[in-house]
Amino acid sequence: MQPASLFAESLRNRETILLARERIAAAGHIASHYRAIRLPALAAAAHRIAERRRAREQAKQATKTGWSD
C-alpha cells in the first residue's frame, strides 16, 4: 500500500499518529520480504468491499419497497 493509503486507513480506524508512522515505516519491508501477506490481505479487502456493496443494495431495496429487517 502507498503511505497515503496506510495513513488514511489509520485515520479511518481512529488510530494514533504513532501507529500510522509505524505502519508506514514497516510497509516497504513487509512488501519486499513477505509477499505471502499480500494475497490474504487483498482477499480480505475484496470480501469487505463485497459485503458493503451487498448492504448498500439491501438498503436501497428496503427503501424502495418501504420495509426493513
PDB file of N, CA and C in Angstrom:
ATOM      1  N   MET A   1       0.834  -1.174   0.000  1.00  0.00           N
ATOM      2  CA  MET A   1       0.000   0.000   0.000  1.00  0.00           C
ATOM      3  C   MET A   1       0.882   1.242   0.000  1.00  0.00           C
ATOM      4  N   GLN A   2       0.343   2.284  -0.527  1.00  0.00           N
ATOM      5  CA  GLN A   2       1.043   3.558  -0.541  1.00  0.00           C
ATOM      6  C   GLN A   2       0.971   4.195   0.846  1.00  0.00           C
ATOM      7  N   PRO A   3       1.961   5.033   1.196  1.00  0.00           N
ATOM      8  CA  PRO A   3       1.926   5.687   2.508  1.00  0.00           C
ATOM      9  C   PRO A   3       0.629   6.451   2.766  1.00  0.00           C
ATOM     10  N   ALA A   4       0.109   7.123   1.748  1.00  0.00           N
ATOM     11  CA  ALA A   4      -1.143   7.870   1.934  1.00  0.00           C
ATOM     12  C   ALA A   4      -2.296   6.920   2.248  1.00  0.00           C
ATOM     13  N   SER A   5      -2.320   5.757   1.612  1.00  0.00           N
ATOM     14  CA  SER A   5      -3.369   4.771   1.884  1.00  0.00           C
ATOM     15  C   SER A   5      -3.253   4.226   3.301  1.00  0.00           C
ATOM     16  N   LEU A   6      -2.028   3.956   3.730  1.00  0.00           N
ATOM     17  CA  LEU A   6      -1.820   3.467   5.090  1.00  0.00           C
ATOM     18  C   LEU A   6      -2.242   4.510   6.114  1.00  0.00           C
ATOM     19  N   PHE A   7      -1.910   5.768   5.843  1.00  0.00           N
ATOM     20  CA  PHE A   7      -2.277   6.849   6.752  1.00  0.00           C
ATOM     21  C   PHE A   7      -3.792   7.019   6.789  1.00  0.00           C
ATOM     22  N   ALA A   8      -4.429   6.971   5.625  1.00  0.00           N
ATOM     23  CA  ALA A   8      -5.890   7.101   5.565  1.00  0.00           C
ATOM     24  C   ALA A   8      -6.568   5.955   6.310  1.00  0.00           C
ATOM     25  N   GLU A   9      -6.032   4.758   6.182  1.00  0.00           N
ATOM     26  CA  GLU A   9      -6.593   3.607   6.897  1.00  0.00           C
ATOM     27  C   GLU A   9      -6.487   3.811   8.405  1.00  0.00           C
ATOM     28  N   SER A  10      -5.370   4.339   8.857  1.00  0.00           N
ATOM     29  CA  SER A  10      -5.206   4.616  10.284  1.00  0.00           C
ATOM     30  C   SER A  10      -6.206   5.656  10.760  1.00  0.00           C
ATOM     31  N   LEU A  11      -6.446   6.670   9.941  1.00  0.00           N
ATOM     32  CA  LEU A  11      -7.437   7.686  10.310  1.00  0.00           C
ATOM     33  C   LEU A  11      -8.832   7.084  10.393  1.00  0.00           C
ATOM     34  N   ARG A  12      -9.184   6.240   9.422  1.00  0.00           N
ATOM     35  CA  ARG A  12     -10.499   5.597   9.438  1.00  0.00           C
ATOM     36  C   ARG A  12     -10.688   4.742  10.688  1.00  0.00           C
ATOM     37  N   ASN A  13      -9.599   4.101  11.116  1.00  0.00           N
ATOM     38  CA  ASN A  13      -9.659   3.240  12.297  1.00  0.00           C
ATOM     39  C   ASN A  13      -9.452   4.008  13.603  1.00  0.00           C
ATOM     40  N   ARG A  14      -9.287   5.318  13.493  1.00  0.00           N
ATOM     41  CA  ARG A  14      -9.076   6.200  14.655  1.00  0.00           C
ATOM     42  C   ARG A  14      -7.873   5.763  15.477  1.00  0.00           C
ATOM     43  N   GLU A  15      -6.805   5.428  14.773  1.00  0.00           N
ATOM     44  CA  GLU A  15      -5.575   5.034  15.439  1.00  0.00           C
ATOM     45  C   GLU A  15      -4.696   6.264  15.643  1.00  0.00           C
ATOM     46  N   THR A  16      -3.700   6.118  16.483  1.00  0.00           N
ATOM     47  CA  THR A  16      -2.804   7.233  16.763  1.00  0.00           C
ATOM     48  C   THR A  16      -1.862   7.477  15.590  1.00  0.00           C
ATOM     49  N   ILE A  17      -1.321   8.690  15.551  1.00  0.00           N
ATOM     50  CA  ILE A  17      -0.343   9.043  14.513  1.00  0.00           C
ATOM     51  C   ILE A  17       0.892   8.150  14.636  1.00  0.00           C
ATOM     52  N   LEU A  18       1.283   7.836  15.858  1.00  0.00           N
ATOM     53  CA  LEU A  18       2.448   6.982  16.078  1.00  0.00           C
ATOM     54  C   LEU A  18       2.266   5.620  15.422  1.00  0.00           C
ATOM     55  N   LEU A  19       1.096   5.037  15.570  1.00  0.00           N
ATOM     56  CA  LEU A  19       0.823   3.743  14.945  1.00  0.00           C
ATOM     57  C   LEU A  19       0.837   3.863  13.423  1.00  0.00           C
ATOM     58  N   ALA A  20       0.286   4.948  12.896  1.00  0.00           N
ATOM     59  CA  ALA A  20       0.309   5.164  11.445  1.00  0.00           C
ATOM     60  C   ALA A  20       1.745   5.258  10.945  1.00  0.00           C
ATOM     61  N   ARG A  21       2.585   5.968  11.667  1.00  0.00           N
ATOM     62  CA  ARG A  21       4.002   6.088  11.274  1.00  0.00           C
ATOM     63  C   ARG A  21       4.697   4.734  11.298  1.00  0.00           C
ATOM     64  N   GLU A  22       4.391   3.927  12.302  1.00  0.00           N
ATOM     65  CA  GLU A  22       4.988   2.591  12.380  1.00  0.00           C
ATOM     66  C   GLU A  22       4.575   1.740  11.186  1.00  0.00           C
ATOM     67  N   ARG A  23       3.310   1.818  10.805  1.00  0.00           N
ATOM     68  CA  ARG A  23       2.840   1.050   9.645  1.00  0.00           C
ATOM     69  C   ARG A  23       3.544   1.500   8.371  1.00  0.00           C
ATOM     70  N   ILE A  24       3.662   2.812   8.201  1.00  0.00           N
ATOM     71  CA  ILE A  24       4.313   3.342   7.000  1.00  0.00           C
ATOM     72  C   ILE A  24       5.775   2.908   6.968  1.00  0.00           C
ATOM     73  N   ALA A  25       6.444   2.952   8.115  1.00  0.00           N
ATOM     74  CA  ALA A  25       7.850   2.554   8.179  1.00  0.00           C
ATOM     75  C   ALA A  25       8.024   1.069   7.861  1.00  0.00           C
ATOM     76  N   ALA A  26       7.078   0.250   8.263  1.00  0.00           N
ATOM     77  CA  ALA A  26       7.188  -1.194   8.049  1.00  0.00           C
ATOM     78  C   ALA A  26       6.684  -1.644   6.683  1.00  0.00           C
ATOM     79  N   ALA A  27       5.936  -0.803   5.996  1.00  0.00           N
ATOM     80  CA  ALA A  27       5.286  -1.214   4.741  1.00  0.00           C
ATOM     81  C   ALA A  27       6.275  -1.694   3.686  1.00  0.00           C
ATOM     82  N   GLY A  28       7.359  -0.971   3.495  1.00  0.00           N
ATOM     83  CA  GLY A  28       8.345  -1.368   2.491  1.00  0.00           C
ATOM     84  C   GLY A  28       8.969  -2.708   2.799  1.00  0.00           C
ATOM     85  N   HIS A  29       9.317  -2.919   4.055  1.00  0.00           N
ATOM     86  CA  HIS A  29       9.914  -4.182   4.474  1.00  0.00           C
ATOM     87  C   HIS A  29       8.939  -5.337   4.267  1.00  0.00           C
ATOM     88  N   ILE A  30       7.709  -5.129   4.660  1.00  0.00           N
ATOM     89  CA  ILE A  30       6.693  -6.177   4.502  1.00  0.00           C
ATOM     90  C   ILE A  30       6.470  -6.496   3.034  1.00  0.00           C
ATOM     91  N   ALA A  31       6.357  -5.459   2.203  1.00  0.00           N
ATOM     92  CA  ALA A  31       6.105  -5.674   0.775  1.00  0.00           C
ATOM     93  C   ALA A  31       7.245  -6.420   0.103  1.00  0.00           C
ATOM     94  N   SER A  32       8.479  -6.141   0.513  1.00  0.00           N
ATOM     95  CA  SER A  32       9.606  -6.778  -0.161  1.00  0.00           C
ATOM     96  C   SER A  32       9.936  -8.165   0.379  1.00  0.00           C
ATOM     97  N   HIS A  33       9.605  -8.436   1.637  1.00  0.00           N
ATOM     98  CA  HIS A  33      10.001  -9.707   2.236  1.00  0.00           C
ATOM     99  C   HIS A  33       8.861 -10.675   2.508  1.00  0.00           C
ATOM    100  N   TYR A  34       7.647 -10.183   2.531  1.00  0.00           N
ATOM    101  CA  TYR A  34       6.529 -11.042   2.899  1.00  0.00           C
ATOM    102  C   TYR A  34       5.421 -10.962   1.856  1.00  0.00           C
ATOM    103  N   ARG A  35       5.714 -11.391   0.662  1.00  0.00           N
ATOM    104  CA  ARG A  35       4.737 -11.336  -0.426  1.00  0.00           C
ATOM    105  C   ARG A  35       3.501 -12.177  -0.126  1.00  0.00           C
ATOM    106  N   ALA A  36       3.640 -13.195   0.678  1.00  0.00           N
ATOM    107  CA  ALA A  36       2.505 -14.059   1.002  1.00  0.00           C
ATOM    108  C   ALA A  36       1.428 -13.314   1.779  1.00  0.00           C
ATOM    109  N   ILE A  37       1.781 -12.209   2.410  1.00  0.00           N
ATOM    110  CA  ILE A  37       0.806 -11.420   3.168  1.00  0.00           C
ATOM    111  C   ILE A  37      -0.159 -10.722   2.220  1.00  0.00           C
ATOM    112  N   ARG A  38       0.318 -10.367   1.045  1.00  0.00           N
ATOM    113  CA  ARG A  38      -0.488  -9.564   0.124  1.00  0.00           C
ATOM    114  C   ARG A  38      -1.787 -10.240  -0.287  1.00  0.00           C
ATOM    115  N   LEU A  39      -1.716 -11.492  -0.708  1.00  0.00           N
ATOM    116  CA  LEU A  39      -2.914 -12.152  -1.223  1.00  0.00           C
ATOM    117  C   LEU A  39      -4.013 -12.293  -0.174  1.00  0.00           C
ATOM    118  N   PRO A  40      -3.714 -12.762   1.029  1.00  0.00           N
ATOM    119  CA  PRO A  40      -4.788 -12.806   2.028  1.00  0.00           C
ATOM    120  C   PRO A  40      -5.339 -11.419   2.359  1.00  0.00           C
ATOM    121  N   ALA A  41      -4.470 -10.421   2.377  1.00  0.00           N
ATOM    122  CA  ALA A  41      -4.932  -9.058   2.657  1.00  0.00           C
ATOM    123  C   ALA A  41      -5.840  -8.563   1.545  1.00  0.00           C
ATOM    124  N   LEU A  42      -5.474  -8.847   0.302  1.00  0.00           N
ATOM    125  CA  LEU A  42      -6.318  -8.446  -0.822  1.00  0.00           C
ATOM    126  C   LEU A  42      -7.650  -9.194  -0.800  1.00  0.00           C
ATOM    127  N   ALA A  43      -7.606 -10.471  -0.475  1.00  0.00           N
ATOM    128  CA  ALA A  43      -8.842 -11.251  -0.403  1.00  0.00           C
ATOM    129  C   ALA A  43      -9.762 -10.710   0.688  1.00  0.00           C
ATOM    130  N   ALA A  44      -9.191 -10.359   1.829  1.00  0.00           N
ATOM    131  CA  ALA A  44      -9.998  -9.804   2.918  1.00  0.00           C
ATOM    132  C   ALA A  44     -10.598  -8.460   2.519  1.00  0.00           C
ATOM    133  N   ALA A  45      -9.812  -7.636   1.843  1.00  0.00           N
ATOM    134  CA  ALA A  45     -10.318  -6.333   1.394  1.00  0.00           C
ATOM    135  C   ALA A  45     -11.438  -6.511   0.376  1.00  0.00           C
ATOM    136  N   ALA A  46     -11.267  -7.430  -0.552  1.00  0.00           N
ATOM    137  CA  ALA A  46     -12.307  -7.682  -1.554  1.00  0.00           C
ATOM    138  C   ALA A  46     -13.585  -8.192  -0.889  1.00  0.00           C
ATOM    139  N   HIS A  47     -13.434  -9.016   0.131  1.00  0.00           N
ATOM    140  CA  HIS A  47     -14.597  -9.531   0.862  1.00  0.00           C
ATOM    141  C   HIS A  47     -15.340  -8.390   1.565  1.00  0.00           C
ATOM    142  N   ARG A  48     -14.596  -7.483   2.200  1.00  0.00           N
ATOM    143  CA  ARG A  48     -15.225  -6.337   2.876  1.00  0.00           C
ATOM    144  C   ARG A  48     -15.948  -5.448   1.882  1.00  0.00           C
ATOM    145  N   ILE A  49     -15.350  -5.221   0.723  1.00  0.00           N
ATOM    146  CA  ILE A  49     -15.982  -4.387  -0.306  1.00  0.00           C
ATOM    147  C   ILE A  49     -17.276  -5.032  -0.781  1.00  0.00           C
ATOM    148  N   ALA A  50     -17.237  -6.341  -1.021  1.00  0.00           N
ATOM    149  CA  ALA A  50     -18.441  -7.048  -1.472  1.00  0.00           C
ATOM    150  C   ALA A  50     -19.542  -6.985  -0.415  1.00  0.00           C
ATOM    151  N   GLU A  51     -19.176  -7.125   0.861  1.00  0.00           N
ATOM    152  CA  GLU A  51     -20.169  -7.031   1.936  1.00  0.00           C
ATOM    153  C   GLU A  51     -20.806  -5.650   1.978  1.00  0.00           C
ATOM    154  N   ARG A  52     -20.000  -4.615   1.834  1.00  0.00           N
ATOM    155  CA  ARG A  52     -20.532  -3.249   1.844  1.00  0.00           C
ATOM    156  C   ARG A  52     -21.472  -3.011   0.670  1.00  0.00           C
ATOM    157  N   ARG A  53     -21.102  -3.531  -0.494  1.00  0.00           N
ATOM    158  CA  ARG A  53     -21.976  -3.372  -1.666  1.00  0.00           C
ATOM    159  C   ARG A  53     -23.310  -4.078  -1.456  1.00  0.00           C
ATOM    160  N   ARG A  54     -23.255  -5.302  -0.904  1.00  0.00           N
ATOM    161  CA  ARG A  54     -24.492  -6.036  -0.621  1.00  0.00           C
ATOM    162  C   ARG A  54     -25.363  -5.271   0.369  1.00  0.00           C
ATOM    163  N   ALA A  55     -24.751  -4.721   1.393  1.00  0.00           N
ATOM    164  CA  ALA A  55     -25.507  -3.970   2.399  1.00  0.00           C
ATOM    165  C   ALA A  55     -26.147  -2.734   1.784  1.00  0.00           C
ATOM    166  N   ARG A  56     -25.414  -2.052   0.897  1.00  0.00           N
ATOM    167  CA  ARG A  56     -25.982  -0.873   0.227  1.00  0.00           C
ATOM    168  C   ARG A  56     -27.147  -1.254  -0.659  1.00  0.00           C
ATOM    169  N   GLU A  57     -26.993  -2.347  -1.403  1.00  0.00           N
ATOM    170  CA  GLU A  57     -28.074  -2.805  -2.275  1.00  0.00           C
ATOM    171  C   GLU A  57     -29.307  -3.192  -1.462  1.00  0.00           C
ATOM    172  N   GLN A  58     -29.103  -3.864  -0.342  1.00  0.00           N
ATOM    173  CA  GLN A  58     -30.228  -4.233   0.516  1.00  0.00           C
ATOM    174  C   GLN A  58     -30.908  -2.990   1.070  1.00  0.00           C
ATOM    175  N   ALA A  59     -30.121  -1.991   1.435  1.00  0.00           N
ATOM    176  CA  ALA A  59     -30.699  -0.745   1.946  1.00  0.00           C
ATOM    177  C   ALA A  59     -31.503  -0.040   0.862  1.00  0.00           C
ATOM    178  N   LYS A  60     -30.986  -0.051  -0.364  1.00  0.00           N
ATOM    179  CA  LYS A  60     -31.721   0.562  -1.481  1.00  0.00           C
ATOM    180  C   LYS A  60     -33.040  -0.163  -1.714  1.00  0.00           C
ATOM    181  N   GLN A  61     -32.998  -1.493  -1.701  1.00  0.00           N
ATOM    182  CA  GLN A  61     -34.208  -2.275  -1.913  1.00  0.00           C
ATOM    183  C   GLN A  61     -35.212  -2.040  -0.785  1.00  0.00           C
ATOM    184  N   ALA A  62     -34.728  -1.961   0.438  1.00  0.00           N
ATOM    185  CA  ALA A  62     -35.617  -1.717   1.573  1.00  0.00           C
ATOM    186  C   ALA A  62     -36.266  -0.343   1.462  1.00  0.00           C
ATOM    187  N   THR A  63     -35.511   0.631   0.985  1.00  0.00           N
ATOM    188  CA  THR A  63     -36.051   1.979   0.818  1.00  0.00           C
ATOM    189  C   THR A  63     -37.102   2.000  -0.285  1.00  0.00           C
ATOM    190  N   LYS A  64     -36.841   1.285  -1.363  1.00  0.00           N
ATOM    191  CA  LYS A  64     -37.783   1.247  -2.486  1.00  0.00           C
ATOM    192  C   LYS A  64     -39.087   0.558  -2.109  1.00  0.00           C
ATOM    193  N   THR A  65     -38.985  -0.525  -1.346  1.00  0.00           N
ATOM    194  CA  THR A  65     -40.186  -1.293  -1.011  1.00  0.00           C
ATOM    195  C   THR A  65     -40.856  -0.817   0.270  1.00  0.00           C
ATOM    196  N   GLY A  66     -40.156  -0.010   1.056  1.00  0.00           N
ATOM    197  CA  GLY A  66     -40.746   0.535   2.269  1.00  0.00           C
ATOM    198  C   GLY A  66     -40.689  -0.379   3.468  1.00  0.00           C
ATOM    199  N   TRP A  67     -39.848  -1.398   3.450  1.00  0.00           N
ATOM    200  CA  TRP A  67     -39.706  -2.283   4.603  1.00  0.00           C
ATOM    201  C   TRP A  67     -38.240  -2.413   4.949  1.00  0.00           C
ATOM    202  N   SER A  68     -37.970  -2.865   6.145  1.00  0.00           N
ATOM    203  CA  SER A  68     -36.591  -3.137   6.549  1.00  0.00           C
ATOM    204  C   SER A  68     -36.578  -4.296   7.526  1.00  0.00           C
ATOM    205  N   ASP A  69     -35.413  -4.922   7.678  1.00  0.00           N
ATOM    206  CA  ASP A  69     -35.279  -6.070   8.602  1.00  0.00           C
ATOM    207  C   ASP A  69     -35.194  -5.596  10.022  1.00  0.00           C
TER     208      ASP A  69
END
